[in-house]
Amino acid sequence: MKDFTLPPVGGRADARPQAERGLIGYRLGELERRVGRLEAFVLGMLCTIALSVLGGLIAVIGLPPVG
């Protein structure tokens, strides 16, 4: 993950909290995207394992191939 730096703040006293809130919102959005990718990867792996097990069961039972 990249390191982000905040730009220097001008004369306003409330500008820094707004910039920090924006940075926190950005980082939360980035985390949500990464977690979504991780969930998709895990789901894909589970589907692959399930199909492998199903193929093994079909081979053990001796059913004719479909198609």
PDB file of N, CA and C in Angstrom:
ATOM      1  N   MET A   1       0.844  -1.164   0.000  1.00  0.00           N
ATOM      2  CA  MET A   1       0.000   0.000   0.000  1.00  0.00           C
ATOM      3  C   MET A   1       0.897   1.237   0.000  1.00  0.00           C
ATOM      4  N   LYS A   2       0.503   2.213  -0.764  1.00  0.00           N
ATOM      5  CA  LYS A   2       1.292   3.438  -0.860  1.00  0.00           C
ATOM      6  C   LYS A   2       1.190   4.247   0.424  1.00  0.00           C
ATOM      7  N   ASP A   3       2.212   5.039   0.653  1.00  0.00           N
ATOM      8  CA  ASP A   3       2.146   6.006   1.742  1.00  0.00           C
ATOM      9  C   ASP A   3       1.650   7.320   1.171  1.00  0.00           C
ATOM     10  N   PHE A   4       0.733   7.935   1.857  1.00  0.00           N
ATOM     11  CA  PHE A   4       0.163   9.188   1.392  1.00  0.00           C
ATOM     12  C   PHE A   4       0.560  10.298   2.347  1.00  0.00           C
ATOM     13  N   THR A   5       0.858  11.432   1.799  1.00  0.00           N
ATOM     14  CA  THR A   5       1.177  12.589   2.627  1.00  0.00           C
ATOM     15  C   THR A   5       0.144  13.664   2.370  1.00  0.00           C
ATOM     16  N   LEU A   6      -0.166  14.396   3.402  1.00  0.00           N
ATOM     17  CA  LEU A   6      -1.117  15.489   3.278  1.00  0.00           C
ATOM     18  C   LEU A   6      -0.386  16.742   2.829  1.00  0.00           C
ATOM     19  N   PRO A   7      -1.010  17.533   1.976  1.00  0.00           N
ATOM     20  CA  PRO A   7      -0.374  18.788   1.584  1.00  0.00           C
ATOM     21  C   PRO A   7      -0.329  19.744   2.771  1.00  0.00           C
ATOM     22  N   PRO A   8       0.607  20.688   2.760  1.00  0.00           N
ATOM     23  CA  PRO A   8       0.656  21.647   3.864  1.00  0.00           C
ATOM     24  C   PRO A   8      -0.639  22.450   3.940  1.00  0.00           C
ATOM     25  N   VAL A   9      -1.060  22.708   5.139  1.00  0.00           N
ATOM     26  CA  VAL A   9      -2.339  23.362   5.379  1.00  0.00           C
ATOM     27  C   VAL A   9      -2.123  24.861   5.470  1.00  0.00           C
ATOM     28  N   GLY A  10      -3.057  25.622   4.892  1.00  0.00           N
ATOM     29  CA  GLY A  10      -2.982  27.084   4.927  1.00  0.00           C
ATOM     30  C   GLY A  10      -3.364  27.631   6.289  1.00  0.00           C
ATOM     31  N   GLY A  11      -3.901  28.845   6.306  1.00  0.00           N
ATOM     32  CA  GLY A  11      -4.192  29.539   7.545  1.00  0.00           C
ATOM     33  C   GLY A  11      -5.422  29.045   8.288  1.00  0.00           C
ATOM     34  N   ARG A  12      -6.268  28.225   7.671  1.00  0.00           N
ATOM     35  CA  ARG A  12      -7.497  27.788   8.334  1.00  0.00           C
ATOM     36  C   ARG A  12      -7.203  26.721   9.376  1.00  0.00           C
ATOM     37  N   ALA A  13      -7.824  26.845  10.526  1.00  0.00           N
ATOM     38  CA  ALA A  13      -7.594  25.878  11.604  1.00  0.00           C
ATOM     39  C   ALA A  13      -8.361  24.585  11.367  1.00  0.00           C
ATOM     40  N   ASP A  14      -9.498  24.650  10.654  1.00  0.00           N
ATOM     41  CA  ASP A  14     -10.305  23.453  10.446  1.00  0.00           C
ATOM     42  C   ASP A  14      -9.945  22.717   9.161  1.00  0.00           C
ATOM     43  N   ALA A  15      -8.957  23.170   8.424  1.00  0.00           N
ATOM     44  CA  ALA A  15      -8.612  22.535   7.148  1.00  0.00           C
ATOM     45  C   ALA A  15      -7.964  21.171   7.361  1.00  0.00           C
ATOM     46  N   ARG A  16      -7.150  21.025   8.350  1.00  0.00           N
ATOM     47  CA  ARG A  16      -6.459  19.757   8.579  1.00  0.00           C
ATOM     48  C   ARG A  16      -7.433  18.614   8.891  1.00  0.00           C
ATOM     49  N   PRO A  17      -8.406  18.791   9.790  1.00  0.00           N
ATOM     50  CA  PRO A  17      -9.344  17.686  10.024  1.00  0.00           C
ATOM     51  C   PRO A  17     -10.100  17.279   8.761  1.00  0.00           C
ATOM     52  N   GLN A  18     -10.449  18.233   7.888  1.00  0.00           N
ATOM     53  CA  GLN A  18     -11.135  17.875   6.647  1.00  0.00           C
ATOM     54  C   GLN A  18     -10.222  17.053   5.754  1.00  0.00           C
ATOM     55  N   ALA A  19      -8.959  17.438   5.676  1.00  0.00           N
ATOM     56  CA  ALA A  19      -8.018  16.685   4.853  1.00  0.00           C
ATOM     57  C   ALA A  19      -7.817  15.288   5.418  1.00  0.00           C
ATOM     58  N   GLU A  20      -7.754  15.182   6.736  1.00  0.00           N
ATOM     59  CA  GLU A  20      -7.593  13.868   7.355  1.00  0.00           C
ATOM     60  C   GLU A  20      -8.818  13.006   7.116  1.00  0.00           C
ATOM     61  N   ARG A  21     -10.005  13.613   7.192  1.00  0.00           N
ATOM     62  CA  ARG A  21     -11.222  12.842   6.922  1.00  0.00           C
ATOM     63  C   ARG A  21     -11.242  12.345   5.485  1.00  0.00           C
ATOM     64  N   GLY A  22     -10.793  13.185   4.563  1.00  0.00           N
ATOM     65  CA  GLY A  22     -10.727  12.758   3.167  1.00  0.00           C
ATOM     66  C   GLY A  22      -9.742  11.627   2.970  1.00  0.00           C
ATOM     67  N   LEU A  23      -8.614  11.694   3.641  1.00  0.00           N
ATOM     68  CA  LEU A  23      -7.609  10.637   3.543  1.00  0.00           C
ATOM     69  C   LEU A  23      -8.124   9.335   4.136  1.00  0.00           C
ATOM     70  N   ILE A  24      -8.811   9.440   5.272  1.00  0.00           N
ATOM     71  CA  ILE A  24      -9.374   8.238   5.897  1.00  0.00           C
ATOM     72  C   ILE A  24     -10.424   7.620   4.982  1.00  0.00           C
ATOM     73  N   GLY A  25     -11.286   8.460   4.382  1.00  0.00           N
ATOM     74  CA  GLY A  25     -12.286   7.940   3.450  1.00  0.00           C
ATOM     75  C   GLY A  25     -11.650   7.264   2.253  1.00  0.00           C
ATOM     76  N   TYR A  26     -10.563   7.845   1.749  1.00  0.00           N
ATOM     77  CA  TYR A  26      -9.870   7.244   0.609  1.00  0.00           C
ATOM     78  C   TYR A  26      -9.285   5.888   0.989  1.00  0.00           C
ATOM     79  N   ARG A  27      -8.658   5.829   2.144  1.00  0.00           N
ATOM     80  CA  ARG A  27      -8.049   4.561   2.574  1.00  0.00           C
ATOM     81  C   ARG A  27      -9.109   3.502   2.845  1.00  0.00           C
ATOM     82  N   LEU A  28     -10.260   3.893   3.394  1.00  0.00           N
ATOM     83  CA  LEU A  28     -11.335   2.928   3.604  1.00  0.00           C
ATOM     84  C   LEU A  28     -11.850   2.389   2.273  1.00  0.00           C
ATOM     85  N   GLY A  29     -11.981   3.264   1.284  1.00  0.00           N
ATOM     86  CA  GLY A  29     -12.408   2.818  -0.043  1.00  0.00           C
ATOM     87  C   GLY A  29     -11.412   1.852  -0.657  1.00  0.00           C
ATOM     88  N   GLU A  30     -10.120   2.146  -0.505  1.00  0.00           N
ATOM     89  CA  GLU A  30      -9.080   1.255  -1.021  1.00  0.00           C
ATOM     90  C   GLU A  30      -9.136  -0.103  -0.320  1.00  0.00           C
ATOM     91  N   LEU A  31      -9.352  -0.101   0.985  1.00  0.00           N
ATOM     92  CA  LEU A  31      -9.457  -1.349   1.739  1.00  0.00           C
ATOM     93  C   LEU A  31     -10.662  -2.161   1.280  1.00  0.00           C
ATOM     94  N   GLU A  32     -11.791  -1.495   1.047  1.00  0.00           N
ATOM     95  CA  GLU A  32     -12.980  -2.203   0.575  1.00  0.00           C
ATOM     96  C   GLU A  32     -12.733  -2.849  -0.780  1.00  0.00           C
ATOM     97  N   ARG A  33     -12.027  -2.149  -1.673  1.00  0.00           N
ATOM     98  CA  ARG A  33     -11.722  -2.742  -2.979  1.00  0.00           C
ATOM     99  C   ARG A  33     -10.806  -3.951  -2.828  1.00  0.00           C
ATOM    100  N   ARG A  34      -9.812  -3.855  -1.963  1.00  0.00           N
ATOM    101  CA  ARG A  34      -8.893  -4.980  -1.772  1.00  0.00           C
ATOM    102  C   ARG A  34      -9.601  -6.169  -1.136  1.00  0.00           C
ATOM    103  N   VAL A  35     -10.472  -5.916  -0.167  1.00  0.00           N
ATOM    104  CA  VAL A  35     -11.205  -7.006   0.468  1.00  0.00           C
ATOM    105  C   VAL A  35     -12.128  -7.659  -0.551  1.00  0.00           C
ATOM    106  N   GLY A  36     -12.736  -6.866  -1.423  1.00  0.00           N
ATOM    107  CA  GLY A  36     -13.585  -7.433  -2.466  1.00  0.00           C
ATOM    108  C   GLY A  36     -12.807  -8.351  -3.389  1.00  0.00           C
ATOM    109  N   ARG A  37     -11.591  -7.960  -3.742  1.00  0.00           N
ATOM    110  CA  ARG A  37     -10.750  -8.815  -4.579  1.00  0.00           C
ATOM    111  C   ARG A  37     -10.377 -10.092  -3.844  1.00  0.00           C
ATOM    112  N   LEU A  38     -10.089  -9.978  -2.559  1.00  0.00           N
ATOM    113  CA  LEU A  38      -9.734 -11.148  -1.763  1.00  0.00           C
ATOM    114  C   LEU A  38     -10.916 -12.105  -1.671  1.00  0.00           C
ATOM    115  N   GLU A  39     -12.106 -11.572  -1.449  1.00  0.00           N
ATOM    116  CA  GLU A  39     -13.297 -12.417  -1.385  1.00  0.00           C
ATOM    117  C   GLU A  39     -13.530 -13.132  -2.714  1.00  0.00           C
ATOM    118  N   ALA A  40     -13.340 -12.443  -3.821  1.00  0.00           N
ATOM    119  CA  ALA A  40     -13.519 -13.069  -5.130  1.00  0.00           C
ATOM    120  C   ALA A  40     -12.492 -14.179  -5.339  1.00  0.00           C
ATOM    121  N   PHE A  41     -11.260 -13.959  -4.906  1.00  0.00           N
ATOM    122  CA  PHE A  41     -10.220 -14.979  -5.034  1.00  0.00           C
ATOM    123  C   PHE A  41     -10.565 -16.215  -4.203  1.00  0.00           C
ATOM    124  N   VAL A  42     -10.977 -16.000  -2.952  1.00  0.00           N
ATOM    125  CA  VAL A  42     -11.322 -17.127  -2.079  1.00  0.00           C
ATOM    126  C   VAL A  42     -12.520 -17.883  -2.643  1.00  0.00           C
ATOM    127  N   LEU A  43     -13.517 -17.170  -3.139  1.00  0.00           N
ATOM    128  CA  LEU A  43     -14.677 -17.829  -3.727  1.00  0.00           C
ATOM    129  C   LEU A  43     -14.280 -18.651  -4.948  1.00  0.00           C
ATOM    130  N   GLY A  44     -13.398 -18.115  -5.774  1.00  0.00           N
ATOM    131  CA  GLY A  44     -12.914 -18.863  -6.930  1.00  0.00           C
ATOM    132  C   GLY A  44     -12.177 -20.128  -6.530  1.00  0.00           C
ATOM    133  N   MET A  45     -11.356 -20.032  -5.494  1.00  0.00           N
ATOM    134  CA  MET A  45     -10.630 -21.215  -5.016  1.00  0.00           C
ATOM    135  C   MET A  45     -11.594 -22.269  -4.480  1.00  0.00           C
ATOM    136  N   LEU A  46     -12.609 -21.829  -3.731  1.00  0.00           N
ATOM    137  CA  LEU A  46     -13.582 -22.782  -3.196  1.00  0.00           C
ATOM    138  C   LEU A  46     -14.370 -23.462  -4.313  1.00  0.00           C
ATOM    139  N   CYS A  47     -14.727 -22.722  -5.346  1.00  0.00           N
ATOM    140  CA  CYS A  47     -15.432 -23.322  -6.486  1.00  0.00           C
ATOM    141  C   CYS A  47     -14.546 -24.329  -7.202  1.00  0.00           C
ATOM    142  N   THR A  48     -13.267 -24.014  -7.350  1.00  0.00           N
ATOM    143  CA  THR A  48     -12.334 -24.933  -7.993  1.00  0.00           C
ATOM    144  C   THR A  48     -12.211 -26.223  -7.192  1.00  0.00           C
ATOM    145  N   ILE A  49     -12.103 -26.099  -5.883  1.00  0.00           N
ATOM    146  CA  ILE A  49     -12.006 -27.290  -5.030  1.00  0.00           C
ATOM    147  C   ILE A  49     -13.285 -28.109  -5.126  1.00  0.00           C
ATOM    148  N   ALA A  50     -14.440 -27.440  -5.104  1.00  0.00           N
ATOM    149  CA  ALA A  50     -15.715 -28.153  -5.187  1.00  0.00           C
ATOM    150  C   ALA A  50     -15.842 -28.902  -6.510  1.00  0.00           C
ATOM    151  N   LEU A  51     -15.428 -28.284  -7.609  1.00  0.00           N
ATOM    152  CA  LEU A  51     -15.494 -28.972  -8.900  1.00  0.00           C
ATOM    153  C   LEU A  51     -14.536 -30.155  -8.953  1.00  0.00           C
ATOM    154  N   SER A  52     -13.377 -30.030  -8.332  1.00  0.00           N
ATOM    155  CA  SER A  52     -12.429 -31.144  -8.293  1.00  0.00           C
ATOM    156  C   SER A  52     -13.002 -32.315  -7.500  1.00  0.00           C
ATOM    157  N   VAL A  53     -13.607 -32.017  -6.366  1.00  0.00           N
ATOM    158  CA  VAL A  53     -14.214 -33.074  -5.549  1.00  0.00           C
ATOM    159  C   VAL A  53     -15.361 -33.724  -6.307  1.00  0.00           C
ATOM    160  N   LEU A  54     -16.179 -32.924  -6.968  1.00  0.00           N
ATOM    161  CA  LEU A  54     -17.290 -33.470  -7.743  1.00  0.00           C
ATOM    162  C   LEU A  54     -16.783 -34.370  -8.865  1.00  0.00           C
ATOM    163  N   GLY A  55     -15.723 -33.937  -9.543  1.00  0.00           N
ATOM    164  CA  GLY A  55     -15.140 -34.775 -10.596  1.00  0.00           C
ATOM    165  C   GLY A  55     -14.601 -36.083 -10.046  1.00  0.00           C
ATOM    166  N   GLY A  56     -13.983 -36.032  -8.868  1.00  0.00           N
ATOM    167  CA  GLY A  56     -13.487 -37.258  -8.236  1.00  0.00           C
ATOM    168  C   GLY A  56     -14.617 -38.195  -7.863  1.00  0.00           C
ATOM    169  N   LEU A  57     -15.716 -37.655  -7.347  1.00  0.00           N
ATOM    170  CA  LEU A  57     -16.864 -38.498  -6.998  1.00  0.00           C
ATOM    171  C   LEU A  57     -17.466 -39.155  -8.232  1.00  0.00           C
ATOM    172  N   ILE A  58     -17.549 -38.414  -9.313  1.00  0.00           N
ATOM    173  CA  ILE A  58     -18.089 -38.983 -10.553  1.00  0.00           C
ATOM    174  C   ILE A  58     -17.187 -40.107 -11.042  1.00  0.00           C
ATOM    175  N   ALA A  59     -15.869 -39.928 -10.923  1.00  0.00           N
ATOM    176  CA  ALA A  59     -14.937 -40.973 -11.353  1.00  0.00           C
ATOM    177  C   ALA A  59     -15.049 -42.208 -10.467  1.00  0.00           C
ATOM    178  N   VAL A  60     -15.225 -42.023  -9.166  1.00  0.00           N
ATOM    179  CA  VAL A  60     -15.321 -43.156  -8.241  1.00  0.00           C
ATOM    180  C   VAL A  60     -16.626 -43.907  -8.445  1.00  0.00           C
ATOM    181  N   ILE A  61     -17.709 -43.185  -8.625  1.00  0.00           N
ATOM    182  CA  ILE A  61     -19.015 -43.827  -8.794  1.00  0.00           C
ATOM    183  C   ILE A  61     -19.093 -44.521 -10.149  1.00  0.00           C
ATOM    184  N   GLY A  62     -18.404 -43.991 -11.134  1.00  0.00           N
ATOM    185  CA  GLY A  62     -18.392 -44.603 -12.455  1.00  0.00           C
ATOM    186  C   GLY A  62     -19.504 -44.118 -13.362  1.00  0.00           C
ATOM    187  N   LEU A  63     -19.989 -42.905 -13.131  1.00  0.00           N
ATOM    188  CA  LEU A  63     -21.022 -42.363 -14.006  1.00  0.00           C
ATOM    189  C   LEU A  63     -20.418 -42.022 -15.364  1.00  0.00           C
ATOM    190  N   PRO A  64     -21.211 -42.169 -16.427  1.00  0.00           N
ATOM    191  CA  PRO A  64     -20.685 -41.789 -17.742  1.00  0.00           C
ATOM    192  C   PRO A  64     -20.510 -40.275 -17.828  1.00  0.00           C
ATOM    193  N   PRO A  65     -19.541 -39.799 -18.593  1.00  0.00           N
ATOM    194  CA  PRO A  65     -19.333 -38.357 -18.717  1.00  0.00           C
ATOM    195  C   PRO A  65     -20.538 -37.673 -19.358  1.00  0.00           C
ATOM    196  N   VAL A  66     -20.801 -36.476 -18.943  1.00  0.00           N
ATOM    197  CA  VAL A  66     -21.922 -35.703 -19.470  1.00  0.00           C
ATOM    198  C   VAL A  66     -21.445 -34.942 -20.693  1.00  0.00           C
ATOM    199  N   GLY A  67     -22.251 -34.939 -21.745  1.00  0.00           N
ATOM    200  CA  GLY A  67     -21.920 -34.107 -22.890  1.00  0.00           C
ATOM    201  C   GLY A  67     -21.691 -34.803 -24.148  1.00  0.00           C
TER     202      GLY A  67
END
